[in-house]
Amino acid sequence: MLASSYGRVIAAACLLLTGIGATRAQELNPNAYTPVPVGANLLLLTNNYSTGSISLDPSLPIEDVHANVNTTIVGYGRTLGLFGHYTNIGFLVPYVHGEVSGLIGGQQQSVRRNAFGDPLLRLAVNLYGAPALSRREFASYQQSTIVGVALVVAPPLGAYDSTKLINVGSNRWSFKPEIGISQRTGAWTFESDLAVIFFTDNTNFYNGGVRSQEPIGALQLHAIYTIRPQMWVAVDANYYTGGRTTINGKQNLDLQQNSRIGITFAMPLTRAQSLKFAYSHGARTTIGGDFDTYGVSYQYAWFSGP
């Protein structure tokens, strides 16, 4: 009985990773398939602060779990043409400062982590409705219906220590194929993105164990209103499910069926610089992090080539 309880506590500790490392399924990312001219270079600096509780199996001897996580992200992207289709490539590197606390067996415990997380590499191609256009050609482009696909890969390069239960890095690969549809109607743009996240095994989990995770399906919906060029506001929502884990052959009761809602506002500073503000809230959380997240992003853009 004691060994079984210990194993379930270990499984619950895995969920605390959602309070430290970024979770792809929770993303709310409007305008992901909106095109810009080819040859654009984008430098991104983002800071996200998340705070809230973490929901675990109520039968476990763990209560009042809370996390505060600050994530600073530096990224770079570039637009180009691939067989005549608008394409963008980019990468993000996160640095995480986080604290998770809770009552374990009636005793207050807490842990802090400060380290680089797993980077993200993204390739996206608009297959329909968004050809690769130069700046001159783009001046007369009118968006209607766009269909695009993307692949996000997270290699296991973040900080990881197998002697610790809670890490910033995941010590495994993840792959997120996605399809997105964007429909422009007047000043409104409506987007829908459907993705599945696949994970390889962590074969050195907590002193040599093996941790597996089932895929997570994720759906994003966005309604975006353009106020003027480069200034827009979006209402965002998502739903994600799956992700049940297995540790050393034993499956855990940690199926996720969660959703978030949020709002995003973008504004230009100059022709080359812009700011974006975002807020999101956990609308429904069965297992995992139920966070309020506040974000601000700075973007600098410049063109290379003709």
Protein backbone atom coordinates (compact mmCIF):
# COMPACT_ATOMS: atom_id res chain seq x y z
CA MET A 1 0.00 0.00 0.00
CA LEU A 2 2.81 2.38 0.88
CA ALA A 3 4.63 1.60 -2.38
CA SER A 4 1.45 2.18 -4.38
CA SER A 5 0.82 5.53 -2.68
CA TYR A 6 4.42 6.57 -3.31
CA GLY A 7 4.09 5.71 -6.98
CA ARG A 8 0.96 7.83 -7.30
CA VAL A 9 2.70 10.76 -5.62
CA ILE A 10 5.49 10.41 -8.17
CA ALA A 11 2.91 10.45 -10.94
CA ALA A 12 1.30 13.57 -9.50
CA ALA A 13 4.67 15.27 -9.29
CA CYS A 14 4.94 14.86 -13.05
CA LEU A 15 1.94 17.13 -13.43
CA LEU A 16 3.80 19.84 -11.59
CA LEU A 17 5.89 20.07 -14.73
CA THR A 18 2.97 22.01 -16.20
CA GLY A 19 3.73 24.70 -13.65
CA ILE A 20 7.39 24.96 -14.64
CA GLY A 21 7.83 23.95 -18.27
CA ALA A 22 5.76 25.43 -21.07
CA THR A 23 2.89 23.31 -22.37
CA ARG A 24 2.20 23.41 -26.11
CA ALA A 25 -1.42 22.36 -25.72
CA GLN A 26 -2.28 25.45 -23.66
CA GLU A 27 -1.22 27.91 -26.36
CA LEU A 28 -3.51 30.66 -27.65
CA ASN A 29 -1.84 32.05 -30.76
CA PRO A 30 -4.03 34.21 -33.03
CA ASN A 31 -2.95 35.22 -36.54
CA ALA A 32 -0.68 32.18 -36.82
CA TYR A 33 -1.36 31.86 -40.57
CA THR A 34 -1.73 35.52 -41.54
CA PRO A 35 0.79 36.20 -44.32
CA VAL A 36 3.31 39.01 -44.71
CA PRO A 37 5.70 39.68 -47.63
CA VAL A 38 8.57 37.26 -48.18
CA GLY A 39 12.00 38.35 -47.01
CA ALA A 40 10.76 39.59 -43.62
CA ASN A 41 12.91 38.94 -40.55
CA LEU A 42 11.17 39.01 -37.18
CA LEU A 43 12.89 39.36 -33.80
CA LEU A 44 10.64 38.55 -30.84
CA LEU A 45 11.01 39.16 -27.11
CA THR A 46 8.17 37.87 -24.89
CA ASN A 47 7.55 37.70 -21.17
CA ASN A 48 4.71 35.58 -19.76
CA TYR A 49 3.71 35.39 -16.10
CA SER A 50 1.42 32.56 -15.00
CA THR A 51 -0.06 32.06 -11.57
CA GLY A 52 -2.65 29.67 -10.22
CA SER A 53 -3.40 26.23 -8.86
CA ILE A 54 -2.59 22.76 -10.18
CA SER A 55 -5.37 20.17 -10.15
CA LEU A 56 -4.36 16.64 -9.16
CA ASP A 57 -6.12 13.37 -8.35
CA PRO A 58 -8.14 14.32 -5.20
CA SER A 59 -7.36 10.97 -3.56
CA LEU A 60 -3.65 11.81 -3.38
CA PRO A 61 -2.07 13.16 -0.17
CA ILE A 62 -1.20 16.42 -1.97
CA GLU A 63 -3.26 19.58 -1.42
CA ASP A 64 -3.28 23.30 -2.21
CA VAL A 65 -0.73 23.04 -5.02
CA HIS A 66 0.09 26.46 -6.44
CA ALA A 67 2.59 27.69 -9.04
CA ASN A 68 4.07 31.04 -10.05
CA VAL A 69 5.98 30.88 -13.31
CA ASN A 70 7.74 33.63 -15.26
CA THR A 71 8.91 32.69 -18.77
CA THR A 72 11.08 34.95 -20.92
CA ILE A 73 11.28 33.94 -24.57
CA VAL A 74 13.63 35.12 -27.32
CA GLY A 75 12.73 34.17 -30.86
CA TYR A 76 13.56 34.73 -34.50
CA GLY A 77 11.50 34.09 -37.63
CA ARG A 78 11.82 34.58 -41.37
CA THR A 79 9.31 34.50 -44.23
CA LEU A 80 10.07 32.97 -47.61
CA GLY A 81 8.50 31.21 -50.57
CA LEU A 82 8.40 27.41 -50.84
CA PHE A 83 7.25 26.20 -54.27
CA GLY A 84 5.33 29.45 -54.58
CA HIS A 85 3.59 29.15 -51.20
CA TYR A 86 4.00 31.61 -48.33
CA THR A 87 6.21 29.97 -45.69
CA ASN A 88 7.63 31.01 -42.36
CA ILE A 89 10.29 29.38 -40.22
CA GLY A 90 11.41 30.28 -36.74
CA PHE A 91 12.64 29.23 -33.34
CA LEU A 92 11.95 30.18 -29.72
CA VAL A 93 14.23 29.80 -26.69
CA PRO A 94 12.52 30.05 -23.25
CA TYR A 95 14.11 30.86 -19.91
CA VAL A 96 11.93 29.86 -16.95
CA HIS A 97 11.84 31.09 -13.37
CA GLY A 98 9.22 29.21 -11.40
CA GLU A 99 8.07 28.09 -7.97
CA VAL A 100 5.65 25.29 -7.09
CA SER A 101 4.34 24.82 -3.54
CA GLY A 102 1.81 22.61 -1.79
CA LEU A 103 0.93 20.44 1.17
CA ILE A 104 2.32 16.90 0.95
CA GLY A 105 1.11 14.70 3.78
CA GLY A 106 0.08 17.84 5.65
CA GLN A 107 3.51 19.44 5.41
CA GLN A 108 4.23 22.55 3.34
CA GLN A 109 6.76 21.92 0.56
CA SER A 110 8.04 24.10 -2.24
CA VAL A 111 10.54 23.94 -5.09
CA ARG A 112 12.12 26.61 -7.31
CA ARG A 113 13.68 26.26 -10.73
CA ASN A 114 15.60 28.77 -12.89
CA ALA A 115 16.84 27.42 -16.20
CA PHE A 116 16.47 27.27 -19.96
CA GLY A 117 13.57 25.17 -21.23
CA ASP A 118 13.32 23.10 -24.38
CA PRO A 119 13.52 25.31 -27.50
CA LEU A 120 10.85 25.23 -30.21
CA LEU A 121 11.42 25.01 -33.96
CA ARG A 122 8.46 25.84 -36.26
CA LEU A 123 7.88 25.47 -39.99
CA ALA A 124 4.54 26.67 -41.42
CA VAL A 125 3.34 26.64 -45.04
CA ASN A 126 0.13 28.22 -46.34
CA LEU A 127 -1.11 25.73 -48.94
CA TYR A 128 -4.10 27.70 -50.20
CA GLY A 129 -5.00 31.38 -50.40
CA ALA A 130 -1.62 32.90 -49.53
CA PRO A 131 1.02 32.79 -52.30
CA ALA A 132 4.57 33.96 -51.67
CA LEU A 133 4.53 37.68 -52.51
CA SER A 134 7.14 40.43 -52.61
CA ARG A 135 6.52 43.69 -50.77
CA ARG A 136 5.32 45.34 -53.99
CA GLU A 137 2.97 42.45 -54.85
CA PHE A 138 1.69 42.25 -51.28
CA ALA A 139 0.42 45.86 -51.43
CA SER A 140 -2.55 44.70 -53.58
CA TYR A 141 -3.16 41.35 -51.82
CA GLN A 142 -6.63 40.81 -50.33
CA GLN A 143 -6.96 37.92 -47.90
CA SER A 144 -9.96 35.61 -48.18
CA THR A 145 -9.68 31.94 -47.19
CA ILE A 146 -6.31 30.51 -46.13
CA VAL A 147 -5.45 26.89 -45.38
CA GLY A 148 -2.06 26.16 -43.86
CA VAL A 149 -0.09 23.45 -42.11
CA ALA A 150 2.69 23.64 -39.55
CA LEU A 151 5.09 21.43 -37.64
CA VAL A 152 6.54 22.41 -34.27
CA VAL A 153 9.43 20.34 -32.92
CA ALA A 154 10.80 20.60 -29.36
CA PRO A 155 14.19 18.87 -28.95
CA PRO A 156 15.26 17.85 -25.41
CA LEU A 157 17.82 20.64 -24.88
CA GLY A 158 16.38 22.26 -21.75
CA ALA A 159 17.85 21.87 -18.27
CA TYR A 160 17.16 18.41 -16.88
CA ASP A 161 18.36 16.51 -13.80
CA SER A 162 17.14 12.91 -13.47
CA THR A 163 17.60 13.03 -9.70
CA LYS A 164 14.82 15.66 -9.46
CA LEU A 165 11.09 15.13 -10.00
CA ILE A 166 10.40 18.65 -11.26
CA ASN A 167 12.46 19.97 -14.16
CA VAL A 168 12.26 22.76 -16.70
CA GLY A 169 13.44 20.53 -19.56
CA SER A 170 11.48 17.38 -20.46
CA ASN A 171 14.30 15.02 -21.59
CA ARG A 172 12.21 13.88 -24.57
CA TRP A 173 11.25 15.03 -28.05
CA SER A 174 7.81 16.36 -28.91
CA PHE A 175 6.24 16.89 -32.34
CA LYS A 176 3.18 19.00 -33.05
CA PRO A 177 1.68 18.77 -36.57
CA GLU A 178 -1.11 21.28 -37.11
CA ILE A 179 -3.62 22.39 -39.74
CA GLY A 180 -5.12 25.87 -39.68
CA ILE A 181 -7.92 27.68 -41.52
CA SER A 182 -8.22 31.48 -41.63
CA GLN A 183 -11.22 33.31 -43.13
CA ARG A 184 -11.19 37.09 -43.62
CA THR A 185 -14.58 38.88 -43.81
CA GLY A 186 -14.32 42.66 -43.83
CA ALA A 187 -12.51 43.75 -40.67
CA TRP A 188 -13.00 40.32 -39.07
CA THR A 189 -10.78 37.26 -39.37
CA PHE A 190 -11.89 33.89 -38.01
CA GLU A 191 -9.29 31.20 -37.36
CA SER A 192 -9.34 27.56 -36.35
CA ASP A 193 -6.22 25.47 -35.64
CA LEU A 194 -6.28 21.72 -34.98
CA ALA A 195 -3.15 19.94 -33.73
CA VAL A 196 -1.93 16.72 -32.18
CA ILE A 197 1.15 16.64 -29.95
CA PHE A 198 3.23 13.45 -29.91
CA PHE A 199 5.91 12.64 -27.33
CA THR A 200 8.84 10.26 -27.25
CA ASP A 201 9.60 8.50 -23.94
CA ASN A 202 11.70 9.99 -21.19
CA THR A 203 13.98 7.00 -20.58
CA ASN A 204 15.80 8.57 -17.63
CA PHE A 205 12.92 9.73 -15.48
CA TYR A 206 13.73 10.08 -11.79
CA ASN A 207 16.83 7.92 -11.41
CA GLY A 208 16.45 5.76 -14.48
CA GLY A 209 12.71 5.20 -14.81
CA VAL A 210 10.70 5.38 -18.04
CA ARG A 211 7.90 7.91 -18.44
CA SER A 212 5.60 7.75 -21.47
CA GLN A 213 2.80 10.09 -22.45
CA GLU A 214 -0.11 9.59 -24.82
CA PRO A 215 -0.72 12.23 -27.53
CA ILE A 216 -2.67 15.40 -26.77
CA GLY A 217 -5.25 16.77 -29.22
CA ALA A 218 -5.62 20.56 -29.20
CA LEU A 219 -8.10 22.92 -30.87
CA GLN A 220 -7.76 26.72 -31.01
CA LEU A 221 -10.46 29.21 -32.09
CA HIS A 222 -9.92 32.94 -32.69
CA ALA A 223 -12.10 35.88 -33.69
CA ILE A 224 -9.85 38.80 -34.71
CA TYR A 225 -11.00 42.37 -35.39
CA THR A 226 -8.60 44.63 -37.31
CA ILE A 227 -8.84 48.22 -36.07
CA ARG A 228 -6.27 49.54 -38.55
CA PRO A 229 -3.11 48.10 -40.14
CA GLN A 230 -0.99 46.34 -37.49
CA MET A 231 -3.57 47.07 -34.78
CA TRP A 232 -6.02 44.33 -33.88
CA VAL A 233 -7.81 42.64 -31.00
CA ALA A 234 -8.65 38.93 -30.73
CA VAL A 235 -10.89 36.80 -28.55
CA ASP A 236 -9.27 33.38 -28.09
CA ALA A 237 -10.33 29.94 -26.84
CA ASN A 238 -8.95 26.42 -26.89
CA TYR A 239 -9.69 22.87 -25.80
CA TYR A 240 -7.19 20.06 -25.33
CA THR A 241 -7.51 16.47 -24.23
CA GLY A 242 -5.33 13.40 -23.77
CA GLY A 243 -1.80 13.21 -22.39
CA ARG A 244 -2.30 10.33 -19.98
CA THR A 245 1.07 9.18 -18.64
CA THR A 246 2.64 5.82 -17.82
CA ILE A 247 5.58 5.44 -15.43
CA ASN A 248 7.54 2.19 -15.44
CA GLY A 249 4.62 0.36 -17.05
CA LYS A 250 1.91 1.67 -14.70
CA GLN A 251 -0.72 3.98 -16.22
CA ASN A 252 -1.74 7.03 -14.20
CA LEU A 253 -5.12 8.71 -13.69
CA ASP A 254 -4.09 11.99 -15.29
CA LEU A 255 -6.16 12.35 -18.46
CA GLN A 256 -6.38 16.04 -19.37
CA GLN A 257 -9.65 17.58 -20.61
CA ASN A 258 -9.04 21.30 -20.28
CA SER A 259 -9.90 24.59 -21.96
CA ARG A 260 -8.77 28.21 -21.82
CA ILE A 261 -10.17 31.56 -22.90
CA GLY A 262 -8.28 34.78 -23.50
CA ILE A 263 -7.90 38.12 -25.24
CA THR A 264 -5.00 39.53 -27.28
CA PHE A 265 -4.31 43.12 -28.36
CA ALA A 266 -1.61 44.17 -30.84
CA MET A 267 -0.48 47.69 -31.68
CA PRO A 268 2.30 49.24 -33.77
CA LEU A 269 4.99 51.45 -32.30
CA THR A 270 6.64 52.28 -35.62
CA ARG A 271 6.50 50.63 -39.06
CA ALA A 272 9.13 48.15 -37.85
CA GLN A 273 8.18 47.72 -34.20
CA SER A 274 5.05 46.50 -32.44
CA LEU A 275 3.74 45.37 -29.07
CA LYS A 276 1.28 42.62 -28.19
CA PHE A 277 -0.54 42.15 -24.87
CA ALA A 278 -2.33 38.93 -23.93
CA TYR A 279 -4.34 37.54 -21.03
CA SER A 280 -5.80 34.05 -20.67
CA HIS A 281 -7.67 32.16 -17.98
CA GLY A 282 -8.37 28.49 -17.34
CA ALA A 283 -12.05 28.02 -18.23
CA ARG A 284 -12.10 24.31 -17.33
CA THR A 285 -9.33 22.25 -15.79
CA THR A 286 -9.69 18.59 -14.87
CA ILE A 287 -5.99 17.78 -14.44
CA GLY A 288 -3.02 20.15 -14.70
CA GLY A 289 -2.42 23.86 -14.39
CA ASP A 290 -5.39 26.21 -13.86
CA PHE A 291 -3.53 29.47 -14.48
CA ASP A 292 -4.10 33.12 -15.15
CA THR A 293 -1.44 34.11 -17.69
CA TYR A 294 -0.35 37.67 -18.51
CA GLY A 295 1.93 38.26 -21.49
CA VAL A 296 3.64 41.10 -23.31
CA SER A 297 5.63 40.74 -26.54
CA TYR A 298 7.89 43.12 -28.45
CA GLN A 299 8.51 42.50 -32.15
CA TYR A 300 11.04 44.12 -34.47
CA ALA A 301 10.80 43.45 -38.21
CA TRP A 302 13.14 44.20 -41.09
CA PHE A 303 13.44 43.10 -44.70
CA SER A 304 16.38 41.57 -46.53
CA GLY A 305 16.57 41.20 -50.28
CA PRO A 306 14.53 43.11 -52.89
